[in-house]
Amino acid sequence: MTNVTGIEVPSTSPTFLAVVALHVLLGLACVLTGAVAMLSPKRQGRHPKLGTIYFWCLSGIVASATALSVARWTRDYPLFVLGVLSFAAALAGRTARRQRWSGWVRWHITGMGMSYVLLLTAFYVDNGKSLPLWKDLPAISYWLLPIAIGGPLIGRALLRRRTSVA
């Protein structure tokens, strides 16, 4: 067991630590690029560029999460499931946009938004017990708070988009 800034890392293996370091860096990139993409004007330039970076960093997170989960499957399989669901939602949102599905905007907003919520859920489920403020909350909060906050924001984006098209 290794302690890194208050978070327990379950191995001292250099390979494991390298995968964890990559996973953390990709996670930070996802959180930042996803947030800026969501807040950017929806036109050519920043929004699609950062959305693409988010998508590819997320695919790297899922790959590293798979490797990390296999190492401790009985404890970490829920994180693997959250990662796969997050990637599936992002893939659906990205594909809807690229292939111009019927109602693609709603699919895109919902897919990318849920991907981000699931990404944060996995982070809090894994690390909430070690984070200031979060560590004082019941464990079920790590599962429910991201969707309790993100769900209404996704709904608001869908409503705003519907009224701006009408």
N, C-alpha and C. Protein backbone atom coordinates (compact mmCIF):
# COMPACT_ATOMS: atom_id res chain seq x y z
N MET A 1 0.85 -1.18 0.00
CA MET A 1 0.00 0.00 0.00
C MET A 1 0.90 1.24 0.00
N THR A 2 0.55 2.22 -0.83
CA THR A 2 1.28 3.48 -0.92
C THR A 2 0.29 4.61 -0.71
N ASN A 3 0.70 5.66 -0.01
CA ASN A 3 -0.16 6.81 0.22
C ASN A 3 0.34 7.97 -0.64
N VAL A 4 -0.52 8.43 -1.56
CA VAL A 4 -0.18 9.54 -2.46
C VAL A 4 -1.16 10.67 -2.19
N THR A 5 -0.68 11.73 -1.59
CA THR A 5 -1.50 12.91 -1.23
C THR A 5 -2.79 12.51 -0.50
N GLY A 6 -2.66 11.59 0.42
CA GLY A 6 -3.81 11.19 1.23
C GLY A 6 -4.68 10.11 0.62
N ILE A 7 -4.38 9.70 -0.59
CA ILE A 7 -5.15 8.65 -1.26
C ILE A 7 -4.31 7.38 -1.27
N GLU A 8 -4.91 6.30 -0.78
CA GLU A 8 -4.20 5.03 -0.71
C GLU A 8 -4.17 4.37 -2.08
N VAL A 9 -2.97 4.04 -2.54
CA VAL A 9 -2.77 3.31 -3.79
C VAL A 9 -2.36 1.90 -3.39
N PRO A 10 -3.08 0.88 -3.90
CA PRO A 10 -2.94 -0.47 -3.37
C PRO A 10 -1.71 -1.25 -3.83
N SER A 11 -0.70 -0.60 -4.37
CA SER A 11 0.48 -1.33 -4.82
C SER A 11 1.69 -0.39 -4.86
N THR A 12 2.85 -0.97 -4.74
CA THR A 12 4.09 -0.21 -4.90
C THR A 12 4.80 -0.62 -6.19
N SER A 13 4.18 -1.47 -6.98
CA SER A 13 4.76 -1.91 -8.25
C SER A 13 4.94 -0.71 -9.18
N PRO A 14 6.14 -0.52 -9.73
CA PRO A 14 6.36 0.61 -10.65
C PRO A 14 5.40 0.60 -11.85
N THR A 15 5.09 -0.58 -12.36
CA THR A 15 4.16 -0.67 -13.50
C THR A 15 2.77 -0.20 -13.08
N PHE A 16 2.29 -0.70 -11.94
CA PHE A 16 0.98 -0.30 -11.43
C PHE A 16 0.93 1.20 -11.19
N LEU A 17 1.98 1.75 -10.56
CA LEU A 17 2.02 3.19 -10.28
C LEU A 17 2.06 4.01 -11.58
N ALA A 18 2.73 3.51 -12.60
CA ALA A 18 2.77 4.21 -13.89
C ALA A 18 1.38 4.24 -14.53
N VAL A 19 0.66 3.12 -14.45
CA VAL A 19 -0.70 3.07 -15.00
C VAL A 19 -1.61 4.00 -14.21
N VAL A 20 -1.46 4.02 -12.88
CA VAL A 20 -2.26 4.94 -12.05
C VAL A 20 -1.95 6.39 -12.43
N ALA A 21 -0.67 6.72 -12.60
CA ALA A 21 -0.29 8.09 -12.96
C ALA A 21 -0.91 8.49 -14.30
N LEU A 22 -0.83 7.61 -15.28
CA LEU A 22 -1.45 7.88 -16.58
C LEU A 22 -2.96 8.06 -16.43
N HIS A 23 -3.57 7.18 -15.66
CA HIS A 23 -5.02 7.22 -15.41
C HIS A 23 -5.42 8.57 -14.79
N VAL A 24 -4.67 9.02 -13.82
CA VAL A 24 -4.96 10.30 -13.15
C VAL A 24 -4.81 11.47 -14.13
N LEU A 25 -3.75 11.47 -14.91
CA LEU A 25 -3.55 12.54 -15.89
C LEU A 25 -4.66 12.57 -16.93
N LEU A 26 -5.05 11.41 -17.42
CA LEU A 26 -6.15 11.34 -18.38
C LEU A 26 -7.46 11.80 -17.74
N GLY A 27 -7.65 11.44 -16.47
CA GLY A 27 -8.86 11.87 -15.76
C GLY A 27 -8.92 13.39 -15.62
N LEU A 28 -7.80 13.99 -15.25
CA LEU A 28 -7.75 15.45 -15.16
C LEU A 28 -8.03 16.10 -16.51
N ALA A 29 -7.44 15.54 -17.56
CA ALA A 29 -7.69 16.07 -18.91
C ALA A 29 -9.16 15.97 -19.27
N CYS A 30 -9.79 14.85 -18.93
CA CYS A 30 -11.22 14.69 -19.22
C CYS A 30 -12.07 15.70 -18.47
N VAL A 31 -11.80 15.85 -17.19
CA VAL A 31 -12.59 16.78 -16.39
C VAL A 31 -12.47 18.20 -16.95
N LEU A 32 -11.25 18.62 -17.27
CA LEU A 32 -11.04 19.98 -17.78
C LEU A 32 -11.60 20.17 -19.18
N THR A 33 -11.26 19.28 -20.11
CA THR A 33 -11.73 19.45 -21.48
C THR A 33 -13.24 19.28 -21.58
N GLY A 34 -13.80 18.36 -20.80
CA GLY A 34 -15.25 18.18 -20.80
C GLY A 34 -15.98 19.41 -20.30
N ALA A 35 -15.48 19.99 -19.21
CA ALA A 35 -16.12 21.19 -18.65
C ALA A 35 -16.03 22.36 -19.62
N VAL A 36 -14.86 22.59 -20.19
CA VAL A 36 -14.70 23.72 -21.11
C VAL A 36 -15.54 23.50 -22.37
N ALA A 37 -15.59 22.27 -22.88
CA ALA A 37 -16.42 21.98 -24.06
C ALA A 37 -17.89 22.26 -23.76
N MET A 38 -18.36 21.84 -22.59
CA MET A 38 -19.76 22.07 -22.23
C MET A 38 -20.09 23.55 -22.13
N LEU A 39 -19.15 24.33 -21.65
CA LEU A 39 -19.39 25.75 -21.43
C LEU A 39 -19.07 26.61 -22.66
N SER A 40 -18.51 26.01 -23.69
CA SER A 40 -18.13 26.76 -24.89
C SER A 40 -19.31 26.91 -25.84
N PRO A 41 -19.28 27.97 -26.66
CA PRO A 41 -20.31 28.12 -27.70
C PRO A 41 -20.30 26.90 -28.62
N LYS A 42 -21.48 26.47 -29.02
CA LYS A 42 -21.62 25.27 -29.84
C LYS A 42 -21.49 25.64 -31.31
N ARG A 43 -20.26 25.76 -31.74
CA ARG A 43 -19.93 26.06 -33.13
C ARG A 43 -18.53 25.50 -33.41
N GLN A 44 -18.08 25.64 -34.65
CA GLN A 44 -16.75 25.15 -34.97
C GLN A 44 -15.71 25.81 -34.08
N GLY A 45 -14.66 25.06 -33.78
CA GLY A 45 -13.59 25.60 -32.96
C GLY A 45 -13.46 24.87 -31.65
N ARG A 46 -13.57 25.62 -30.56
CA ARG A 46 -13.28 25.10 -29.23
C ARG A 46 -14.15 23.90 -28.84
N HIS A 47 -15.46 23.99 -29.00
CA HIS A 47 -16.36 22.92 -28.54
C HIS A 47 -16.03 21.56 -29.19
N PRO A 48 -16.00 21.46 -30.52
CA PRO A 48 -15.70 20.14 -31.08
C PRO A 48 -14.25 19.69 -30.84
N LYS A 49 -13.32 20.63 -30.82
CA LYS A 49 -11.92 20.26 -30.59
C LYS A 49 -11.74 19.67 -29.19
N LEU A 50 -12.30 20.34 -28.18
CA LEU A 50 -12.17 19.85 -26.81
C LEU A 50 -13.02 18.59 -26.59
N GLY A 51 -14.16 18.50 -27.28
CA GLY A 51 -14.96 17.29 -27.21
C GLY A 51 -14.21 16.08 -27.74
N THR A 52 -13.46 16.28 -28.80
CA THR A 52 -12.66 15.19 -29.36
C THR A 52 -11.55 14.79 -28.39
N ILE A 53 -10.89 15.78 -27.79
CA ILE A 53 -9.85 15.47 -26.81
C ILE A 53 -10.46 14.71 -25.63
N TYR A 54 -11.63 15.18 -25.16
CA TYR A 54 -12.34 14.49 -24.07
C TYR A 54 -12.58 13.03 -24.44
N PHE A 55 -13.11 12.79 -25.63
CA PHE A 55 -13.45 11.44 -26.06
C PHE A 55 -12.22 10.53 -26.06
N TRP A 56 -11.12 11.00 -26.62
CA TRP A 56 -9.93 10.15 -26.70
C TRP A 56 -9.26 9.97 -25.35
N CYS A 57 -9.27 10.97 -24.52
CA CYS A 57 -8.75 10.80 -23.15
C CYS A 57 -9.62 9.82 -22.37
N LEU A 58 -10.94 9.90 -22.57
CA LEU A 58 -11.85 8.96 -21.91
C LEU A 58 -11.57 7.53 -22.36
N SER A 59 -11.28 7.33 -23.64
CA SER A 59 -10.96 5.97 -24.09
C SER A 59 -9.68 5.48 -23.41
N GLY A 60 -8.72 6.38 -23.19
CA GLY A 60 -7.51 6.01 -22.45
C GLY A 60 -7.80 5.68 -21.00
N ILE A 61 -8.72 6.43 -20.40
CA ILE A 61 -9.12 6.14 -19.01
C ILE A 61 -9.76 4.76 -18.92
N VAL A 62 -10.63 4.43 -19.86
CA VAL A 62 -11.29 3.13 -19.82
C VAL A 62 -10.26 2.01 -19.99
N ALA A 63 -9.28 2.23 -20.86
CA ALA A 63 -8.23 1.21 -21.02
C ALA A 63 -7.42 1.05 -19.73
N SER A 64 -7.02 2.16 -19.13
CA SER A 64 -6.24 2.06 -17.89
C SER A 64 -7.10 1.54 -16.74
N ALA A 65 -8.37 1.94 -16.70
CA ALA A 65 -9.27 1.44 -15.64
C ALA A 65 -9.48 -0.06 -15.78
N THR A 66 -9.51 -0.54 -17.00
CA THR A 66 -9.64 -1.98 -17.22
C THR A 66 -8.44 -2.70 -16.62
N ALA A 67 -7.25 -2.21 -16.93
CA ALA A 67 -6.03 -2.82 -16.39
C ALA A 67 -6.02 -2.76 -14.86
N LEU A 68 -6.37 -1.62 -14.30
CA LEU A 68 -6.37 -1.46 -12.85
C LEU A 68 -7.45 -2.33 -12.20
N SER A 69 -8.60 -2.44 -12.84
CA SER A 69 -9.69 -3.26 -12.28
C SER A 69 -9.35 -4.73 -12.28
N VAL A 70 -8.70 -5.19 -13.34
CA VAL A 70 -8.31 -6.60 -13.42
C VAL A 70 -7.40 -6.96 -12.25
N ALA A 71 -6.54 -6.02 -11.86
CA ALA A 71 -5.61 -6.28 -10.76
C ALA A 71 -6.34 -6.53 -9.44
N ARG A 72 -7.51 -5.92 -9.27
CA ARG A 72 -8.29 -6.09 -8.02
C ARG A 72 -9.77 -6.21 -8.38
N TRP A 73 -10.11 -7.19 -9.19
CA TRP A 73 -11.43 -7.31 -9.77
C TRP A 73 -12.56 -7.32 -8.74
N THR A 74 -12.45 -8.10 -7.68
CA THR A 74 -13.56 -8.23 -6.73
C THR A 74 -13.89 -6.89 -6.08
N ARG A 75 -12.91 -6.02 -5.94
CA ARG A 75 -13.14 -4.72 -5.32
C ARG A 75 -13.47 -3.64 -6.36
N ASP A 76 -12.88 -3.74 -7.55
CA ASP A 76 -12.95 -2.64 -8.50
C ASP A 76 -13.86 -2.86 -9.71
N TYR A 77 -14.56 -3.99 -9.79
CA TYR A 77 -15.39 -4.20 -10.98
C TYR A 77 -16.47 -3.13 -11.15
N PRO A 78 -17.02 -2.53 -10.06
CA PRO A 78 -17.98 -1.45 -10.30
C PRO A 78 -17.36 -0.25 -11.03
N LEU A 79 -16.08 0.01 -10.78
CA LEU A 79 -15.39 1.10 -11.48
C LEU A 79 -15.23 0.77 -12.96
N PHE A 80 -14.95 -0.49 -13.26
CA PHE A 80 -14.87 -0.93 -14.65
C PHE A 80 -16.22 -0.73 -15.34
N VAL A 81 -17.29 -1.13 -14.68
CA VAL A 81 -18.64 -0.98 -15.26
C VAL A 81 -18.94 0.50 -15.50
N LEU A 82 -18.65 1.36 -14.53
CA LEU A 82 -18.88 2.80 -14.71
C LEU A 82 -18.06 3.34 -15.88
N GLY A 83 -16.82 2.89 -16.02
CA GLY A 83 -15.98 3.34 -17.13
C GLY A 83 -16.55 2.92 -18.48
N VAL A 84 -16.97 1.68 -18.58
CA VAL A 84 -17.54 1.18 -19.84
C VAL A 84 -18.83 1.94 -20.16
N LEU A 85 -19.67 2.17 -19.16
CA LEU A 85 -20.92 2.92 -19.40
C LEU A 85 -20.62 4.36 -19.81
N SER A 86 -19.62 4.97 -19.18
CA SER A 86 -19.23 6.33 -19.53
C SER A 86 -18.76 6.40 -20.98
N PHE A 87 -17.93 5.45 -21.37
CA PHE A 87 -17.44 5.43 -22.75
C PHE A 87 -18.58 5.15 -23.73
N ALA A 88 -19.47 4.22 -23.39
CA ALA A 88 -20.60 3.90 -24.27
C ALA A 88 -21.49 5.13 -24.47
N ALA A 89 -21.72 5.89 -23.41
CA ALA A 89 -22.54 7.11 -23.52
C ALA A 89 -21.83 8.14 -24.42
N ALA A 90 -20.52 8.31 -24.22
CA ALA A 90 -19.76 9.25 -25.05
C ALA A 90 -19.75 8.80 -26.51
N LEU A 91 -19.59 7.52 -26.73
CA LEU A 91 -19.58 6.99 -28.09
C LEU A 91 -20.94 7.23 -28.77
N ALA A 92 -22.02 7.02 -28.04
CA ALA A 92 -23.35 7.28 -28.59
C ALA A 92 -23.52 8.76 -28.92
N GLY A 93 -23.10 9.63 -27.99
CA GLY A 93 -23.21 11.07 -28.22
C GLY A 93 -22.37 11.54 -29.40
N ARG A 94 -21.18 11.02 -29.52
CA ARG A 94 -20.28 11.39 -30.61
C ARG A 94 -20.81 10.85 -31.95
N THR A 95 -21.26 9.60 -31.94
CA THR A 95 -21.77 8.98 -33.16
C THR A 95 -23.04 9.69 -33.63
N ALA A 96 -23.91 10.05 -32.71
CA ALA A 96 -25.14 10.77 -33.07
C ALA A 96 -24.80 12.06 -33.81
N ARG A 97 -23.81 12.76 -33.34
CA ARG A 97 -23.39 14.02 -33.96
C ARG A 97 -22.74 13.78 -35.32
N ARG A 98 -21.84 12.82 -35.37
CA ARG A 98 -21.10 12.58 -36.62
C ARG A 98 -21.97 11.99 -37.71
N GLN A 99 -22.93 11.15 -37.35
CA GLN A 99 -23.79 10.51 -38.35
C GLN A 99 -25.13 11.23 -38.51
N ARG A 100 -25.31 12.30 -37.76
CA ARG A 100 -26.54 13.12 -37.84
C ARG A 100 -27.80 12.26 -37.70
N TRP A 101 -27.83 11.48 -36.59
CA TRP A 101 -29.03 10.71 -36.29
C TRP A 101 -30.22 11.66 -36.22
N SER A 102 -31.40 11.12 -36.38
CA SER A 102 -32.61 11.91 -36.17
C SER A 102 -32.62 12.36 -34.70
N GLY A 103 -32.78 13.64 -34.46
CA GLY A 103 -32.73 14.16 -33.09
C GLY A 103 -31.33 14.12 -32.52
N TRP A 104 -30.31 14.23 -33.37
CA TRP A 104 -28.92 14.05 -32.95
C TRP A 104 -28.51 14.97 -31.82
N VAL A 105 -29.05 16.18 -31.79
CA VAL A 105 -28.63 17.13 -30.75
C VAL A 105 -29.01 16.59 -29.37
N ARG A 106 -30.22 16.07 -29.23
CA ARG A 106 -30.64 15.51 -27.94
C ARG A 106 -29.77 14.30 -27.56
N TRP A 107 -29.48 13.44 -28.55
CA TRP A 107 -28.62 12.28 -28.30
C TRP A 107 -27.22 12.73 -27.89
N HIS A 108 -26.72 13.74 -28.58
CA HIS A 108 -25.37 14.24 -28.29
C HIS A 108 -25.28 14.82 -26.88
N ILE A 109 -26.21 15.69 -26.55
CA ILE A 109 -26.22 16.31 -25.22
C ILE A 109 -26.36 15.24 -24.14
N THR A 110 -27.29 14.34 -24.32
CA THR A 110 -27.54 13.30 -23.31
C THR A 110 -26.34 12.36 -23.19
N GLY A 111 -25.81 11.91 -24.32
CA GLY A 111 -24.69 10.97 -24.29
C GLY A 111 -23.44 11.57 -23.67
N MET A 112 -23.07 12.75 -24.13
CA MET A 112 -21.86 13.37 -23.60
C MET A 112 -22.06 13.80 -22.14
N GLY A 113 -23.24 14.32 -21.82
CA GLY A 113 -23.51 14.71 -20.43
C GLY A 113 -23.48 13.53 -19.48
N MET A 114 -24.12 12.42 -19.88
CA MET A 114 -24.11 11.23 -19.02
C MET A 114 -22.72 10.64 -18.92
N SER A 115 -21.95 10.73 -19.99
CA SER A 115 -20.57 10.26 -19.93
C SER A 115 -19.79 11.00 -18.85
N TYR A 116 -19.96 12.31 -18.82
CA TYR A 116 -19.26 13.14 -17.83
C TYR A 116 -19.73 12.81 -16.42
N VAL A 117 -21.05 12.65 -16.24
CA VAL A 117 -21.60 12.29 -14.92
C VAL A 117 -21.05 10.95 -14.46
N LEU A 118 -21.01 9.97 -15.35
CA LEU A 118 -20.50 8.64 -14.99
C LEU A 118 -19.00 8.68 -14.68
N LEU A 119 -18.26 9.51 -15.42
CA LEU A 119 -16.84 9.71 -15.14
C LEU A 119 -16.65 10.23 -13.71
N LEU A 120 -17.41 11.25 -13.35
CA LEU A 120 -17.31 11.82 -12.00
C LEU A 120 -17.79 10.83 -10.94
N THR A 121 -18.83 10.07 -11.26
CA THR A 121 -19.32 9.06 -10.32
C THR A 121 -18.21 8.06 -10.01
N ALA A 122 -17.54 7.57 -11.04
CA ALA A 122 -16.45 6.60 -10.81
C ALA A 122 -15.36 7.23 -9.94
N PHE A 123 -15.02 8.48 -10.21
CA PHE A 123 -14.00 9.15 -9.40
C PHE A 123 -14.42 9.23 -7.94
N TYR A 124 -15.65 9.67 -7.68
CA TYR A 124 -16.09 9.81 -6.29
C TYR A 124 -16.27 8.47 -5.59
N VAL A 125 -16.77 7.46 -6.31
CA VAL A 125 -16.92 6.13 -5.71
C VAL A 125 -15.55 5.61 -5.28
N ASP A 126 -14.53 5.86 -6.10
CA ASP A 126 -13.19 5.35 -5.78
C ASP A 126 -12.47 6.21 -4.75
N ASN A 127 -12.66 7.52 -4.80
CA ASN A 127 -11.83 8.43 -4.00
C ASN A 127 -12.58 9.27 -2.97
N GLY A 128 -13.90 9.22 -2.96
CA GLY A 128 -14.68 10.06 -2.06
C GLY A 128 -14.30 9.94 -0.60
N LYS A 129 -13.97 8.73 -0.19
CA LYS A 129 -13.62 8.49 1.22
C LYS A 129 -12.32 9.19 1.63
N SER A 130 -11.54 9.67 0.64
CA SER A 130 -10.27 10.33 0.94
C SER A 130 -10.30 11.83 0.68
N LEU A 131 -11.42 12.35 0.21
CA LEU A 131 -11.50 13.76 -0.19
C LEU A 131 -12.10 14.64 0.90
N PRO A 132 -11.58 15.85 1.06
CA PRO A 132 -12.19 16.78 2.01
C PRO A 132 -13.67 16.96 1.66
N LEU A 133 -14.48 17.15 2.65
CA LEU A 133 -15.93 17.29 2.55
C LEU A 133 -16.61 15.98 2.15
N TRP A 134 -16.17 15.36 1.06
CA TRP A 134 -16.79 14.12 0.61
C TRP A 134 -16.64 13.00 1.63
N LYS A 135 -15.50 12.97 2.34
CA LYS A 135 -15.25 11.87 3.28
C LYS A 135 -16.24 11.89 4.44
N ASP A 136 -16.90 13.04 4.66
CA ASP A 136 -17.89 13.14 5.74
C ASP A 136 -19.28 12.72 5.29
N LEU A 137 -19.46 12.46 4.01
CA LEU A 137 -20.76 12.06 3.47
C LEU A 137 -20.92 10.54 3.52
N PRO A 138 -22.15 10.06 3.55
CA PRO A 138 -22.34 8.60 3.47
C PRO A 138 -21.90 8.11 2.08
N ALA A 139 -21.43 6.88 2.00
CA ALA A 139 -20.90 6.32 0.76
C ALA A 139 -21.90 6.36 -0.39
N ILE A 140 -23.17 6.24 -0.10
CA ILE A 140 -24.19 6.29 -1.16
C ILE A 140 -24.18 7.63 -1.88
N SER A 141 -23.70 8.68 -1.21
CA SER A 141 -23.61 10.00 -1.83
C SER A 141 -22.67 10.00 -3.03
N TYR A 142 -21.63 9.19 -2.97
CA TYR A 142 -20.67 9.12 -4.07
C TYR A 142 -21.34 8.63 -5.35
N TRP A 143 -22.36 7.78 -5.16
CA TRP A 143 -23.10 7.24 -6.30
C TRP A 143 -24.20 8.19 -6.77
N LEU A 144 -24.81 8.90 -5.85
CA LEU A 144 -26.02 9.66 -6.19
C LEU A 144 -25.80 11.14 -6.49
N LEU A 145 -24.85 11.78 -5.83
CA LEU A 145 -24.68 13.22 -6.01
C LEU A 145 -24.31 13.63 -7.44
N PRO A 146 -23.43 12.90 -8.13
CA PRO A 146 -23.13 13.34 -9.51
C PRO A 146 -24.37 13.38 -10.41
N ILE A 147 -25.23 12.39 -10.34
CA ILE A 147 -26.43 12.41 -11.19
C ILE A 147 -27.47 13.39 -10.64
N ALA A 148 -27.50 13.56 -9.33
CA ALA A 148 -28.44 14.53 -8.75
C ALA A 148 -28.11 15.95 -9.19
N ILE A 149 -26.84 16.23 -9.42
CA ILE A 149 -26.42 17.55 -9.91
C ILE A 149 -26.40 17.58 -11.43
N GLY A 150 -25.81 16.55 -12.04
CA GLY A 150 -25.67 16.52 -13.50
C GLY A 150 -26.96 16.29 -14.25
N GLY A 151 -27.85 15.48 -13.70
CA GLY A 151 -29.12 15.19 -14.38
C GLY A 151 -29.92 16.45 -14.68
N PRO A 152 -30.18 17.29 -13.69
CA PRO A 152 -30.91 18.53 -13.97
C PRO A 152 -30.17 19.47 -14.94
N LEU A 153 -28.84 19.47 -14.89
CA LEU A 153 -28.08 20.30 -15.83
C LEU A 153 -28.23 19.78 -17.27
N ILE A 154 -28.22 18.46 -17.44
CA ILE A 154 -28.46 17.87 -18.75
C ILE A 154 -29.88 18.21 -19.21
N GLY A 155 -30.85 18.06 -18.31
CA GLY A 155 -32.24 18.41 -18.63
C GLY A 155 -32.38 19.87 -19.04
N ARG A 156 -31.69 20.74 -18.34
CA ARG A 156 -31.73 22.17 -18.67
C ARG A 156 -31.14 22.42 -20.06
N ALA A 157 -30.03 21.76 -20.36
CA ALA A 157 -29.42 21.91 -21.69
C ALA A 157 -30.36 21.42 -22.78
N LEU A 158 -31.04 20.31 -22.52
CA LEU A 158 -32.00 19.79 -23.50
C LEU A 158 -33.15 20.76 -23.71
N LEU A 159 -33.67 21.32 -22.62
CA LEU A 159 -34.77 22.28 -22.73
C LEU A 159 -34.33 23.55 -23.44
N ARG A 160 -33.15 24.05 -23.13
CA ARG A 160 -32.65 25.26 -23.78
C ARG A 160 -32.45 25.03 -25.26
N ARG A 161 -31.95 23.88 -25.61
CA ARG A 161 -31.72 23.56 -27.03
C ARG A 161 -33.05 23.46 -27.76
N ARG A 162 -34.05 22.86 -27.11
CA ARG A 162 -35.36 22.71 -27.75
C ARG A 162 -36.00 24.06 -28.00
N THR A 163 -35.89 24.97 -27.02
CA THR A 163 -36.52 26.28 -27.20
C THR A 163 -35.74 27.17 -28.17
N SER A 164 -34.42 26.95 -28.30
CA SER A 164 -33.64 27.78 -29.22
C SER A 164 -33.85 27.34 -30.66
N VAL A 165 -34.28 26.09 -30.89
CA VAL A 165 -34.53 25.59 -32.24
C VAL A 165 -35.92 25.98 -32.69
N ALA A 166 -36.86 26.08 -31.76
CA ALA A 166 -38.26 26.35 -32.09
C ALA A 166 -38.50 27.73 -32.65
